[in-house]
Amino acid sequence: MLLILAVIIGALYGGGIYMILRRSLVRVLLGLLLLSHAVNLLIFTVGRTTKGKPAFITEPTNIIAEPFADPVPQALILTAIVIGFGVIAFAIVLFQKVYSATNSDDIDQLRTTDKLD
């Protein structure tokens, strides 16, 4: 299971970095999405994946028994998903404004801050 997750995380990181290095703003946005998914999977994997075990202590024993699911990485991933959604929504609006001002999504054409009319 960990080997499969490691391969998936590596593929997402590789694809995300490749997309960020392209010249299109849309591809940069897709690269950011891939990188955010890779980071979420990495945090989830580091937090020990345990199938079918709860992340809380039962009442009668008040002692947590191994193996257990760690709730902290799950909370971090949930927070990262919400923050990532906000960042991606902001980036979409920002890229739309840039495209409407320049009529291009090519980063090489956006090198100057002055618009020549």
Protein backbone atom coordinates (compact mmCIF):
# COMPACT_ATOMS: atom_id res chain seq x y z
CA MET A 1 0.00 0.00 0.00
CA LEU A 2 2.76 2.45 0.91
CA LEU A 3 4.64 1.71 -2.30
CA ILE A 4 1.55 2.47 -4.38
CA LEU A 5 0.99 5.73 -2.48
CA ALA A 6 4.67 6.68 -2.91
CA VAL A 7 4.44 6.14 -6.68
CA ILE A 8 1.21 8.16 -6.88
CA ILE A 9 2.70 11.00 -4.80
CA GLY A 10 5.82 11.04 -6.99
CA ALA A 11 3.73 11.11 -10.15
CA LEU A 12 1.60 13.97 -8.82
CA TYR A 13 4.69 15.96 -7.81
CA GLY A 14 6.34 15.34 -11.18
CA GLY A 15 3.20 16.26 -13.10
CA GLY A 16 2.62 19.35 -10.96
CA ILE A 17 6.15 20.67 -11.40
CA TYR A 18 6.01 19.95 -15.15
CA MET A 19 2.74 21.86 -15.47
CA ILE A 20 4.03 24.83 -13.45
CA LEU A 21 7.04 25.15 -15.77
CA ARG A 22 4.80 25.56 -18.85
CA ARG A 23 4.04 29.01 -20.27
CA SER A 24 0.25 28.95 -20.00
CA LEU A 25 -1.51 30.35 -16.94
CA VAL A 26 -4.10 27.57 -17.10
CA ARG A 27 -1.36 24.95 -16.93
CA VAL A 28 0.19 26.76 -13.97
CA LEU A 29 -3.17 26.54 -12.21
CA LEU A 30 -3.46 22.81 -12.99
CA GLY A 31 0.09 22.33 -11.70
CA LEU A 32 -0.86 24.02 -8.43
CA LEU A 33 -3.83 21.67 -8.13
CA LEU A 34 -1.64 18.61 -8.70
CA LEU A 35 0.91 19.82 -6.15
CA SER A 36 -1.77 20.43 -3.53
CA HIS A 37 -3.13 16.91 -4.02
CA ALA A 38 0.39 15.50 -3.75
CA VAL A 39 1.01 17.33 -0.49
CA ASN A 40 -2.30 16.12 0.94
CA LEU A 41 -1.46 12.52 0.07
CA LEU A 42 2.03 12.91 1.52
CA ILE A 43 0.67 14.19 4.84
CA PHE A 44 -1.88 11.37 4.86
CA THR A 45 0.81 8.76 4.19
CA VAL A 46 3.18 10.10 6.85
CA GLY A 47 0.34 9.96 9.38
CA ARG A 48 0.24 6.14 9.15
CA THR A 49 -2.68 4.79 7.19
CA THR A 50 -4.63 2.32 9.33
CA LYS A 51 -7.63 0.64 7.78
CA GLY A 52 -10.79 0.22 9.84
CA LYS A 53 -9.50 1.60 13.14
CA PRO A 54 -11.02 4.62 14.89
CA ALA A 55 -9.17 7.83 15.64
CA PHE A 56 -10.63 8.17 19.13
CA ILE A 57 -10.49 6.48 22.55
CA THR A 58 -13.41 4.30 23.64
CA GLU A 59 -15.14 5.13 26.94
CA PRO A 60 -14.75 1.92 28.98
CA THR A 61 -10.98 1.55 28.63
CA ASN A 62 -9.73 5.14 28.28
CA ILE A 63 -6.58 3.67 26.69
CA ILE A 64 -5.82 3.79 23.00
CA ALA A 65 -4.67 0.46 21.59
CA GLU A 66 -2.35 -0.06 18.61
CA PRO A 67 -2.97 0.19 15.68
CA PHE A 68 -4.98 3.39 15.63
CA ALA A 69 -5.67 6.10 13.10
CA ASP A 70 -3.92 9.38 13.89
CA PRO A 71 -6.46 12.25 13.77
CA VAL A 72 -3.92 15.10 13.42
CA PRO A 73 -2.94 14.43 9.77
CA GLN A 74 -6.59 14.06 8.88
CA ALA A 75 -7.36 17.47 10.42
CA LEU A 76 -4.35 19.02 8.66
CA ILE A 77 -5.47 17.62 5.31
CA LEU A 78 -9.01 18.92 5.80
CA THR A 79 -7.64 22.37 6.60
CA ALA A 80 -5.28 22.21 3.60
CA ILE A 81 -8.16 21.29 1.28
CA VAL A 82 -10.21 24.29 2.43
CA ILE A 83 -7.28 26.72 2.17
CA GLY A 84 -6.25 25.24 -1.19
CA PHE A 85 -9.77 25.74 -2.52
CA GLY A 86 -9.63 29.41 -1.54
CA VAL A 87 -6.22 29.88 -3.16
CA ILE A 88 -7.31 28.19 -6.38
CA ALA A 89 -10.51 30.25 -6.51
CA PHE A 90 -8.47 33.43 -6.07
CA ALA A 91 -5.99 32.32 -8.75
CA ILE A 92 -8.81 31.62 -11.21
CA VAL A 93 -10.21 35.13 -10.74
CA LEU A 94 -6.73 36.65 -10.98
CA PHE A 95 -5.89 34.74 -14.17
CA GLN A 96 -9.25 35.73 -15.67
CA LYS A 97 -8.49 39.41 -15.00
CA VAL A 98 -5.02 39.06 -16.53
CA TYR A 99 -6.46 37.37 -19.60
CA SER A 100 -9.16 40.02 -20.04
CA ALA A 101 -6.55 42.80 -19.76
CA THR A 102 -3.96 41.26 -22.10
CA ASN A 103 -5.97 38.84 -24.29
CA SER A 104 -3.26 36.23 -23.74
CA ASP A 105 -2.47 33.52 -21.22
CA ASP A 106 1.14 33.13 -22.35
CA ILE A 107 3.53 34.09 -19.55
CA ASP A 108 6.19 35.27 -22.01
CA GLN A 109 3.85 37.98 -23.28
CA LEU A 110 3.23 39.24 -19.72
CA ARG A 111 6.82 40.35 -19.08
CA THR A 112 6.05 44.05 -18.92
CA THR A 113 3.83 45.98 -16.54
CA ASP A 114 3.05 48.69 -19.10
CA LYS A 115 0.28 48.07 -21.59
CA LEU A 116 1.00 49.58 -24.98
CA ASP A 117 -2.08 50.69 -26.86
